[in-house]
C-alpha atoms as a PDB file:
ATOM      1  CA  MET A   1     -14.879   9.545  47.285  1.00  0.00           C
ATOM      2  CA  PHE A   2     -17.126   9.932  44.220  1.00  0.00           C
ATOM      3  CA  LEU A   3     -15.310  10.415  40.901  1.00  0.00           C
ATOM      4  CA  GLY A   4     -17.385  12.312  38.374  1.00  0.00           C
ATOM      5  CA  ASN A   5     -17.003  12.626  34.603  1.00  0.00           C
ATOM      6  CA  VAL A   6     -15.260   9.268  34.267  1.00  0.00           C
ATOM      7  CA  THR A   7     -15.455   7.984  30.691  1.00  0.00           C
ATOM      8  CA  HIS A   8     -14.974   4.280  30.185  1.00  0.00           C
ATOM      9  CA  ALA A   9     -12.555   3.322  27.420  1.00  0.00           C
ATOM     10  CA  GLN A  10     -14.080   2.336  24.095  1.00  0.00           C
ATOM     11  CA  ASP A  11     -12.191  -0.598  22.610  1.00  0.00           C
ATOM     12  CA  VAL A  12     -11.473  -0.406  18.878  1.00  0.00           C
ATOM     13  CA  ILE A  13     -10.360  -3.778  17.499  1.00  0.00           C
ATOM     14  CA  TYR A  14      -7.843  -3.397  14.679  1.00  0.00           C
ATOM     15  CA  TYR A  15      -7.193  -6.337  12.333  1.00  0.00           C
ATOM     16  CA  GLY A  16      -3.466  -6.990  12.638  1.00  0.00           C
ATOM     17  CA  GLY A  17      -1.144  -8.148  15.389  1.00  0.00           C
ATOM     18  CA  ASP A  18       1.633  -5.546  15.277  1.00  0.00           C
ATOM     19  CA  ASN A  19       1.091  -2.542  17.505  1.00  0.00           C
ATOM     20  CA  GLN A  20       4.361  -1.022  16.224  1.00  0.00           C
ATOM     21  CA  SER A  21       3.190  -0.928  12.624  1.00  0.00           C
ATOM     22  CA  TYR A  22       2.580   2.345  10.811  1.00  0.00           C
ATOM     23  CA  ASN A  23      -1.094   1.479  10.256  1.00  0.00           C
ATOM     24  CA  TYR A  24      -1.750   0.744  13.925  1.00  0.00           C
ATOM     25  CA  GLN A  25       0.073   3.844  15.086  1.00  0.00           C
ATOM     26  CA  MET A  26      -1.757   6.053  12.576  1.00  0.00           C
ATOM     27  CA  LEU A  27      -5.119   4.712  13.741  1.00  0.00           C
ATOM     28  CA  GLN A  28      -4.160   5.266  17.352  1.00  0.00           C
ATOM     29  CA  HIS A  29      -2.973   8.784  16.528  1.00  0.00           C
ATOM     30  CA  ALA A  30      -6.143   9.671  14.590  1.00  0.00           C
ATOM     31  CA  LEU A  31      -8.362   8.550  17.453  1.00  0.00           C
ATOM     32  CA  SER A  32      -6.262  10.423  20.025  1.00  0.00           C
ATOM     33  CA  TYR A  33      -7.873  13.673  18.813  1.00  0.00           C
ATOM     34  CA  GLN A  34     -11.207  12.471  20.202  1.00  0.00           C
ATOM     35  CA  LYS A  35     -10.378  12.901  23.894  1.00  0.00           C
ATOM     36  CA  SER A  36     -13.932  12.568  25.158  1.00  0.00           C
ATOM     37  CA  ALA A  37     -14.459   9.226  23.393  1.00  0.00           C
ATOM     38  CA  ASN A  38     -11.483   7.667  25.222  1.00  0.00           C
ATOM     39  CA  TYR A  39     -10.713   5.169  22.461  1.00  0.00           C
ATOM     40  CA  LEU A  40      -8.398   2.237  23.189  1.00  0.00           C
ATOM     41  CA  VAL A  41      -7.022   0.527  20.068  1.00  0.00           C
ATOM     42  CA  LYS A  42      -6.404  -3.204  20.447  1.00  0.00           C
ATOM     43  CA  THR A  43      -5.025  -5.668  17.935  1.00  0.00           C
ATOM     44  CA  TYR A  44      -7.049  -8.640  16.739  1.00  0.00           C
ATOM     45  CA  SER A  45      -5.023 -11.609  17.941  1.00  0.00           C
ATOM     46  CA  SER A  46      -6.760 -14.523  16.178  1.00  0.00           C
ATOM     47  CA  PHE A  47      -5.296 -15.595  12.842  1.00  0.00           C
ATOM     48  CA  THR A  48      -7.853 -14.783  10.166  1.00  0.00           C
ATOM     49  CA  PRO A  49      -7.229 -14.558   6.403  1.00  0.00           C
ATOM     50  CA  LYS A  50      -7.684 -11.002   5.192  1.00  0.00           C
ATOM     51  CA  LEU A  51     -10.651 -11.777   2.961  1.00  0.00           C
ATOM     52  CA  ARG A  52     -12.403 -13.275   5.973  1.00  0.00           C
ATOM     53  CA  ALA A  53     -11.504 -10.185   8.025  1.00  0.00           C
ATOM     54  CA  TYR A  54     -13.420  -7.940   5.611  1.00  0.00           C
ATOM     55  CA  ILE A  55     -16.449 -10.222   5.934  1.00  0.00           C
ATOM     56  CA  GLN A  56     -16.204 -10.240   9.737  1.00  0.00           C
ATOM     57  CA  LEU A  57     -15.988  -6.455   9.683  1.00  0.00           C
ATOM     58  CA  SER A  58     -19.081  -6.300   7.492  1.00  0.00           C
ATOM     59  CA  ASN A  59     -20.938  -8.669   9.824  1.00  0.00           C
ATOM     60  CA  GLN A  60     -19.742  -6.883  12.993  1.00  0.00           C
ATOM     61  CA  GLU A  61     -18.022 -10.041  14.196  1.00  0.00           C
ATOM     62  CA  GLY A  62     -15.272  -8.772  16.493  1.00  0.00           C
ATOM     63  CA  ILE A  63     -13.302  -6.499  14.135  1.00  0.00           C
ATOM     64  CA  ASP A  64     -13.784  -2.722  13.956  1.00  0.00           C
ATOM     65  CA  VAL A  65     -11.071  -1.551  11.523  1.00  0.00           C
ATOM     66  CA  VAL A  66      -9.204  -3.202   8.641  1.00  0.00           C
ATOM     67  CA  PHE A  67      -6.368  -1.614   6.651  1.00  0.00           C
ATOM     68  CA  GLY A  68      -6.247  -2.508   2.970  1.00  0.00           C
ATOM     69  CA  GLY A  69      -6.099  -1.513  -0.648  1.00  0.00           C
ATOM     70  CA  ALA A  70      -8.916   0.354  -2.366  1.00  0.00           C
ATOM     71  CA  THR A  71     -11.171  -1.867  -4.465  1.00  0.00           C
ATOM     72  CA  ILE A  72     -14.766  -1.575  -5.574  1.00  0.00           C
ATOM     73  CA  GLU A  73     -15.702  -4.834  -3.825  1.00  0.00           C
ATOM     74  CA  ARG A  74     -14.186  -3.787  -0.494  1.00  0.00           C
ATOM     75  CA  GLU A  75     -16.014  -0.457  -0.685  1.00  0.00           C
ATOM     76  CA  ARG A  76     -19.244  -2.353  -1.218  1.00  0.00           C
ATOM     77  CA  LEU A  77     -18.682  -4.504   1.878  1.00  0.00           C
ATOM     78  CA  ASN A  78     -17.477  -1.770   4.236  1.00  0.00           C
ATOM     79  CA  HIS A  79     -17.005   1.973   4.459  1.00  0.00           C
ATOM     80  CA  PRO A  80     -13.627   3.261   3.214  1.00  0.00           C
ATOM     81  CA  ILE A  81     -12.165   6.287   4.934  1.00  0.00           C
ATOM     82  CA  ARG A  82     -10.827   7.860   1.772  1.00  0.00           C
ATOM     83  CA  ILE A  83      -7.533   9.215   3.013  1.00  0.00           C
ATOM     84  CA  PRO A  84      -4.694   7.217   1.384  1.00  0.00           C
ATOM     85  CA  LEU A  85      -2.587   6.267   4.380  1.00  0.00           C
ATOM     86  CA  LEU A  86       0.464   5.322   2.285  1.00  0.00           C
ATOM     87  CA  LYS A  87       0.124   8.494   0.166  1.00  0.00           C
ATOM     88  CA  GLY A  88       0.090   6.250  -2.920  1.00  0.00           C
ATOM     89  CA  LEU A  89       3.519   4.834  -2.054  1.00  0.00           C
ATOM     90  CA  ASN A  90       2.578   1.245  -2.852  1.00  0.00           C
ATOM     91  CA  GLY A  91       1.801   2.235  -6.449  1.00  0.00           C
ATOM     92  CA  TRP A  92       5.410   3.220  -7.142  1.00  0.00           C
ATOM     93  CA  ARG A  93       7.378   0.251  -8.463  1.00  0.00           C
ATOM     94  CA  ILE A  94      11.042  -0.441  -9.165  1.00  0.00           C
ATOM     95  CA  PRO A  95      11.950  -3.366 -11.434  1.00  0.00           C
ATOM     96  CA  LEU A  96      14.108  -6.265 -10.374  1.00  0.00           C
ATOM     97  CA  ILE A  97      16.082  -7.340 -13.440  1.00  0.00           C
ATOM     98  CA  ASN A  98      18.613  -9.966 -14.428  1.00  0.00           C
ATOM     99  CA  LYS A  99      22.247  -9.044 -13.681  1.00  0.00           C
ATOM    100  CA  ASN A 100      23.252 -10.107 -17.174  1.00  0.00           C
ATOM    101  CA  ASN A 101      21.221  -7.275 -18.685  1.00  0.00           C
ATOM    102  CA  PRO A 102      21.911  -4.280 -16.386  1.00  0.00           C
ATOM    103  CA  SER A 103      21.117  -1.690 -19.094  1.00  0.00           C
ATOM    104  CA  LEU A 104      17.710  -3.149 -19.954  1.00  0.00           C
ATOM    105  CA  PHE A 105      15.775  -0.028 -18.990  1.00  0.00           C
ATOM    106  CA  ALA A 106      18.592   2.448 -19.618  1.00  0.00           C
ATOM    107  CA  ASN A 107      18.479   1.556 -23.310  1.00  0.00           C
ATOM    108  CA  LEU A 108      14.750   2.211 -23.727  1.00  0.00           C
ATOM    109  CA  SER A 109      13.817   5.311 -25.706  1.00  0.00           C
ATOM    110  CA  SER A 110      10.002   5.248 -25.561  1.00  0.00           C
ATOM    111  CA  THR A 111       6.945   4.005 -23.700  1.00  0.00           C
ATOM    112  CA  GLU A 112       6.235   1.742 -26.655  1.00  0.00           C
ATOM    113  CA  GLU A 113       9.573  -0.005 -26.168  1.00  0.00           C
ATOM    114  CA  PHE A 114       8.869  -0.360 -22.456  1.00  0.00           C
ATOM    115  CA  LYS A 115       5.567  -2.076 -23.194  1.00  0.00           C
ATOM    116  CA  GLN A 116       7.311  -4.663 -25.360  1.00  0.00           C
ATOM    117  CA  LEU A 117       9.225  -6.014 -22.371  1.00  0.00           C
ATOM    118  CA  LEU A 118       7.892  -9.084 -20.569  1.00  0.00           C
ATOM    119  CA  ALA A 119       6.940  -8.479 -16.925  1.00  0.00           C
ATOM    120  CA  GLY A 120       6.685 -11.279 -14.381  1.00  0.00           C
ATOM    121  CA  GLN A 121       3.804 -11.426 -11.889  1.00  0.00           C
ATOM    122  CA  PHE A 122       2.157 -13.936  -9.593  1.00  0.00           C
ATOM    123  CA  HIS A 123      -1.076 -14.946 -11.302  1.00  0.00           C
ATOM    124  CA  LEU A 124      -3.373 -14.050  -8.373  1.00  0.00           C
ATOM    125  CA  TRP A 125      -2.039 -10.526  -7.819  1.00  0.00           C
ATOM    126  CA  SER A 126      -4.119  -7.540  -8.937  1.00  0.00           C
ATOM    127  CA  ASP A 127      -1.026  -6.155 -10.685  1.00  0.00           C
ATOM    128  CA  VAL A 128      -1.615  -8.625 -13.530  1.00  0.00           C
ATOM    129  CA  ALA A 129      -4.848  -6.916 -14.579  1.00  0.00           C
ATOM    130  CA  ILE A 130      -3.289  -3.468 -14.196  1.00  0.00           C
ATOM    131  CA  LEU A 131      -0.316  -4.299 -16.392  1.00  0.00           C
ATOM    132  CA  GLN A 132      -2.370  -6.094 -19.017  1.00  0.00           C
ATOM    133  CA  SER A 133      -4.897  -3.259 -19.204  1.00  0.00           C
ATOM    134  CA  ASN A 134      -1.969  -1.006 -20.124  1.00  0.00           C
ATOM    135  CA  ASN A 135      -0.993  -3.361 -22.974  1.00  0.00           C
ATOM    136  CA  ILE A 136       2.032  -4.761 -21.147  1.00  0.00           C
ATOM    137  CA  ASN A 137       2.991  -8.374 -21.715  1.00  0.00           C
ATOM    138  CA  VAL A 138       2.872 -10.434 -18.521  1.00  0.00           C
ATOM    139  CA  HIS A 139       4.319 -13.828 -17.666  1.00  0.00           C
ATOM    140  CA  LYS A 140       1.936 -15.212 -15.035  1.00  0.00           C
ATOM    141  CA  ALA A 141       3.598 -17.522 -12.515  1.00  0.00           C
ATOM    142  CA  THR A 142       1.771 -19.917 -10.210  1.00  0.00           C
ATOM    143  CA  HIS A 143       4.322 -19.749  -7.391  1.00  0.00           C
ATOM    144  CA  ALA A 144       5.232 -16.331  -5.972  1.00  0.00           C
ATOM    145  CA  GLU A 145       8.578 -17.278  -4.444  1.00  0.00           C
ATOM    146  CA  GLY A 146       9.596 -19.131  -7.600  1.00  0.00           C
ATOM    147  CA  MET A 147       9.469 -15.896  -9.587  1.00  0.00           C
ATOM    148  CA  TYR A 148      12.931 -14.887  -8.376  1.00  0.00           C
ATOM    149  CA  GLN A 149      14.382 -18.121  -9.762  1.00  0.00           C
ATOM    150  CA  MET A 150      12.533 -17.501 -13.023  1.00  0.00           C
ATOM    151  CA  LEU A 151      14.007 -14.004 -13.297  1.00  0.00           C
ATOM    152  CA  HIS A 152      17.422 -15.482 -12.478  1.00  0.00           C
ATOM    153  CA  LYS A 153      16.970 -17.891 -15.405  1.00  0.00           C
ATOM    154  CA  GLY A 154      15.746 -15.165 -17.782  1.00  0.00           C
ATOM    155  CA  ARG A 155      12.182 -16.449 -18.191  1.00  0.00           C
ATOM    156  CA  PHE A 156      10.931 -12.845 -18.232  1.00  0.00           C
ATOM    157  CA  ASP A 157      12.565  -9.397 -18.396  1.00  0.00           C
ATOM    158  CA  TYR A 158      11.660  -7.781 -15.098  1.00  0.00           C
ATOM    159  CA  PHE A 159       9.714  -8.179 -11.881  1.00  0.00           C
ATOM    160  CA  PRO A 160       8.156  -4.855 -10.739  1.00  0.00           C
ATOM    161  CA  ARG A 161       8.140  -4.573  -6.952  1.00  0.00           C
ATOM    162  CA  SER A 162       6.778  -1.874  -4.687  1.00  0.00           C
ATOM    163  CA  ILE A 163       9.447   0.471  -3.358  1.00  0.00           C
ATOM    164  CA  LEU A 164       8.330  -0.790   0.068  1.00  0.00           C
ATOM    165  CA  GLU A 165       9.426  -4.304  -0.918  1.00  0.00           C
ATOM    166  CA  VAL A 166      12.171  -4.164  -3.525  1.00  0.00           C
ATOM    167  CA  TRP A 167      15.249  -3.762  -1.260  1.00  0.00           C
ATOM    168  CA  PHE A 168      14.020  -6.408   1.151  1.00  0.00           C
ATOM    169  CA  ASP A 169      13.311  -8.764  -1.754  1.00  0.00           C
ATOM    170  CA  PHE A 170      16.758  -8.182  -3.231  1.00  0.00           C
ATOM    171  CA  GLU A 171      18.522  -8.853   0.074  1.00  0.00           C
ATOM    172  CA  ARG A 172      16.700 -12.179   0.402  1.00  0.00           C
ATOM    173  CA  HIS A 173      17.828 -13.273  -3.058  1.00  0.00           C
ATOM    174  CA  LYS A 174      21.342 -11.828  -3.366  1.00  0.00           C
ATOM    175  CA  ASP A 175      22.688 -15.251  -4.318  1.00  0.00           C
ATOM    176  CA  LEU A 176      20.737 -15.121  -7.590  1.00  0.00           C
ATOM    177  CA  ASP A 177      21.604 -13.263 -10.801  1.00  0.00           C
ATOM    178  CA  ILE A 178      19.174 -10.452 -10.075  1.00  0.00           C
ATOM    179  CA  MET A 179      19.645  -6.758  -9.315  1.00  0.00           C
ATOM    180  CA  ILE A 180      17.646  -3.611  -8.638  1.00  0.00           C
ATOM    181  CA  ASP A 181      17.273  -1.457 -11.736  1.00  0.00           C
ATOM    182  CA  GLN A 182      18.742   2.034 -11.275  1.00  0.00           C
ATOM    183  CA  HIS A 183      16.955   3.858 -14.080  1.00  0.00           C
ATOM    184  CA  THR A 184      13.210   3.347 -13.793  1.00  0.00           C
ATOM    185  CA  LEU A 185      10.039   3.904 -11.795  1.00  0.00           C
ATOM    186  CA  ILE A 186       6.726   2.364 -12.792  1.00  0.00           C
ATOM    187  CA  HIS A 187       3.716   4.136 -11.350  1.00  0.00           C
ATOM    188  CA  TYR A 188      -0.003   3.597 -11.137  1.00  0.00           C
ATOM    189  CA  PRO A 189      -2.364   5.248  -8.627  1.00  0.00           C
ATOM    190  CA  SER A 190      -2.949   3.073  -5.577  1.00  0.00           C
ATOM    191  CA  ALA A 191      -4.786   3.845  -2.339  1.00  0.00           C
ATOM    192  CA  TYR A 192      -4.756   2.078   1.020  1.00  0.00           C
ATOM    193  CA  TYR A 193      -7.485   2.993   3.494  1.00  0.00           C
ATOM    194  CA  PHE A 194      -8.944   2.180   6.863  1.00  0.00           C
ATOM    195  CA  TYR A 195     -12.230   0.302   6.422  1.00  0.00           C
ATOM    196  CA  VAL A 196     -15.030   0.471   8.987  1.00  0.00           C
ATOM    197  CA  ASN A 197     -18.475  -1.146   9.060  1.00  0.00           C
ATOM    198  CA  HIS A 198     -21.021   0.990   7.181  1.00  0.00           C
ATOM    199  CA  GLN A 199     -23.215   1.238  10.278  1.00  0.00           C
ATOM    200  CA  ASN A 200     -20.468   2.396  12.636  1.00  0.00           C
ATOM    201  CA  THR A 201     -21.004   6.056  11.826  1.00  0.00           C
ATOM    202  CA  ALA A 202     -19.443   7.418  15.032  1.00  0.00           C
ATOM    203  CA  LEU A 203     -16.157   5.598  14.454  1.00  0.00           C
ATOM    204  CA  ILE A 204     -16.147   6.592  10.768  1.00  0.00           C
ATOM    205  CA  LYS A 205     -16.609  10.231  11.761  1.00  0.00           C
ATOM    206  CA  ASP A 206     -13.942  10.156  14.467  1.00  0.00           C
ATOM    207  CA  ILE A 207     -11.254   8.419  12.377  1.00  0.00           C
ATOM    208  CA  THR A 208     -11.935  10.758   9.453  1.00  0.00           C
ATOM    209  CA  SER A 209     -11.820  13.841  11.676  1.00  0.00           C
ATOM    210  CA  GLY A 210      -8.639  12.658  13.377  1.00  0.00           C
ATOM    211  CA  LEU A 211      -6.824  11.960  10.105  1.00  0.00           C
ATOM    212  CA  GLU A 212      -7.848  15.339   8.696  1.00  0.00           C
ATOM    213  CA  SER A 213      -6.573  17.031  11.874  1.00  0.00           C
ATOM    214  CA  ALA A 214      -3.278  15.146  11.615  1.00  0.00           C
ATOM    215  CA  ILE A 215      -2.876  16.244   7.997  1.00  0.00           C
ATOM    216  CA  LYS A 216      -3.600  19.847   8.954  1.00  0.00           C
ATOM    217  CA  ASP A 217      -1.154  20.008  11.880  1.00  0.00           C
ATOM    218  CA  GLY A 218       1.605  18.097  10.066  1.00  0.00           C
ATOM    219  CA  SER A 219       1.702  15.069  12.363  1.00  0.00           C
ATOM    220  CA  PHE A 220       0.386  12.751   9.624  1.00  0.00           C
ATOM    221  CA  ASP A 221       3.475  13.454   7.505  1.00  0.00           C
ATOM    222  CA  GLU A 222       5.751  13.238  10.540  1.00  0.00           C
ATOM    223  CA  LEU A 223       4.562   9.709  11.321  1.00  0.00           C
ATOM    224  CA  PHE A 224       4.741   8.767   7.638  1.00  0.00           C
ATOM    225  CA  ILE A 225       8.349   9.952   7.325  1.00  0.00           C
ATOM    226  CA  GLN A 226       9.251   8.225  10.584  1.00  0.00           C
ATOM    227  CA  HIS A 227       8.285   4.891   9.000  1.00  0.00           C
ATOM    228  CA  TYR A 228       9.081   5.427   5.316  1.00  0.00           C
ATOM    229  CA  GLY A 229      11.641   8.232   5.127  1.00  0.00           C
ATOM    230  CA  GLU A 230      14.562   5.833   4.672  1.00  0.00           C
ATOM    231  CA  VAL A 231      12.873   4.190   1.687  1.00  0.00           C
ATOM    232  CA  LEU A 232      12.200   7.559   0.073  1.00  0.00           C
ATOM    233  CA  GLN A 233      15.850   8.535   0.486  1.00  0.00           C
ATOM    234  CA  LYS A 234      16.921   5.369  -1.334  1.00  0.00           C
ATOM    235  CA  VAL A 235      14.558   6.094  -4.222  1.00  0.00           C
ATOM    236  CA  ASN A 236      15.830   9.648  -4.546  1.00  0.00           C
ATOM    237  CA  LEU A 237      19.514   8.690  -4.715  1.00  0.00           C
ATOM    238  CA  THR A 238      19.396   8.497  -8.512  1.00  0.00           C
ATOM    239  CA  PRO A 239      17.151  10.188 -11.101  1.00  0.00           C
ATOM    240  CA  ARG A 240      14.737   7.771 -12.748  1.00  0.00           C
ATOM    241  CA  LYS A 241      12.435   7.813 -15.742  1.00  0.00           C
ATOM    242  CA  THR A 242       8.806   7.191 -14.761  1.00  0.00           C
ATOM    243  CA  TYR A 243       6.344   5.118 -16.775  1.00  0.00           C
ATOM    244  CA  ASN A 244       2.856   6.114 -15.671  1.00  0.00           C
ATOM    245  CA  LEU A 245       0.101   3.506 -15.994  1.00  0.00           C
ATOM    246  CA  ALA A 246      -3.654   3.662 -15.498  1.00  0.00           C
ATOM    247  CA  ASN A 247      -5.259   1.580 -12.744  1.00  0.00           C
ATOM    248  CA  PRO A 248      -8.675   0.293 -13.870  1.00  0.00           C
ATOM    249  CA  ASN A 249      -9.282  -1.292 -10.449  1.00  0.00           C
ATOM    250  CA  LEU A 250      -9.214   2.024  -8.598  1.00  0.00           C
ATOM    251  CA  PRO A 251     -12.688   3.002  -7.307  1.00  0.00           C
ATOM    252  CA  PRO A 252     -14.083   6.170  -8.931  1.00  0.00           C
ATOM    253  CA  LYS A 253     -14.315   8.091  -5.632  1.00  0.00           C
ATOM    254  CA  THR A 254     -10.573   7.856  -4.932  1.00  0.00           C
ATOM    255  CA  PRO A 255      -9.563  11.443  -3.981  1.00  0.00           C
ATOM    256  CA  LEU A 256      -6.937  11.913  -6.691  1.00  0.00           C
ATOM    257  CA  SER A 257      -7.737  15.634  -6.920  1.00  0.00           C
ATOM    258  CA  ARG A 258      -6.462  16.236  -3.361  1.00  0.00           C
ATOM    259  CA  LYS A 259      -2.808  16.598  -4.292  1.00  0.00           C
ATOM    260  CA  GLU A 260      -1.711  17.030  -0.661  1.00  0.00           C
ATOM    261  CA  LEU A 261      -2.665  13.403   0.038  1.00  0.00           C
ATOM    262  CA  TRP A 262      -0.268  11.881  -2.495  1.00  0.00           C
ATOM    263  CA  LEU A 263       3.463  11.539  -3.037  1.00  0.00           C
ATOM    264  CA  ASN A 264       4.974  12.434  -6.381  1.00  0.00           C
ATOM    265  CA  LEU A 265       8.297  10.676  -6.949  1.00  0.00           C
ATOM    266  CA  ASP A 266       8.463  11.618 -10.631  1.00  0.00           C
ATOM    267  CA  ILE A 267      11.687  13.632 -10.562  1.00  0.00           C
END
């Protein structure tokens, strides 16, 4: 029996090994709107450092999509699909502080006082440049894990962590004299995109169209809340003062004017 109109699956290789992750599921969902293309998203199983993954994507060497933060260099190498998948969530930070100074942030009365505090950061993280560009003093550590011990010993005042990380980080270090501050949010605009090779115009078009459709029908937010709703509830348990910072590393075409794409936790 002859079967007509059979469309062979088009494999899309996603950099990352977890097919339960939010990023993977969002990519799969976006491409599901393109029924005729019959996309099949597969994870890239070989261990490859992320910097190398961007280069492989640029060279069309076995990777079709990479998820990552918005930078000018990454946008030069590959095409960013400028829909912030985390809705800016990674740019909202809560400080870890020393237990012996629980009112550190509660006692601040101005942005100027906030900027006099000493923040701790791993020296290779992009947060260092962001904080310093906002005239914030930074203690730059050469060992990321050792920063929790340094905060425990009072070497710096606070360690700003993404709200996606801060509770996990605290649980791992509960034996130390550190705690999660209850009074403060630190915010700077941050975007995380899907990146696709510049020449892969069909895939760029289909991911973009699928994400826009998901935003329009509400399924984008449904998937987002499914993965991050619990974190948002924790943040909203107590009112917090927000210190808003500029992000000089953010590419100029970041769609900040599309308010529906971003979360605002400044309550």
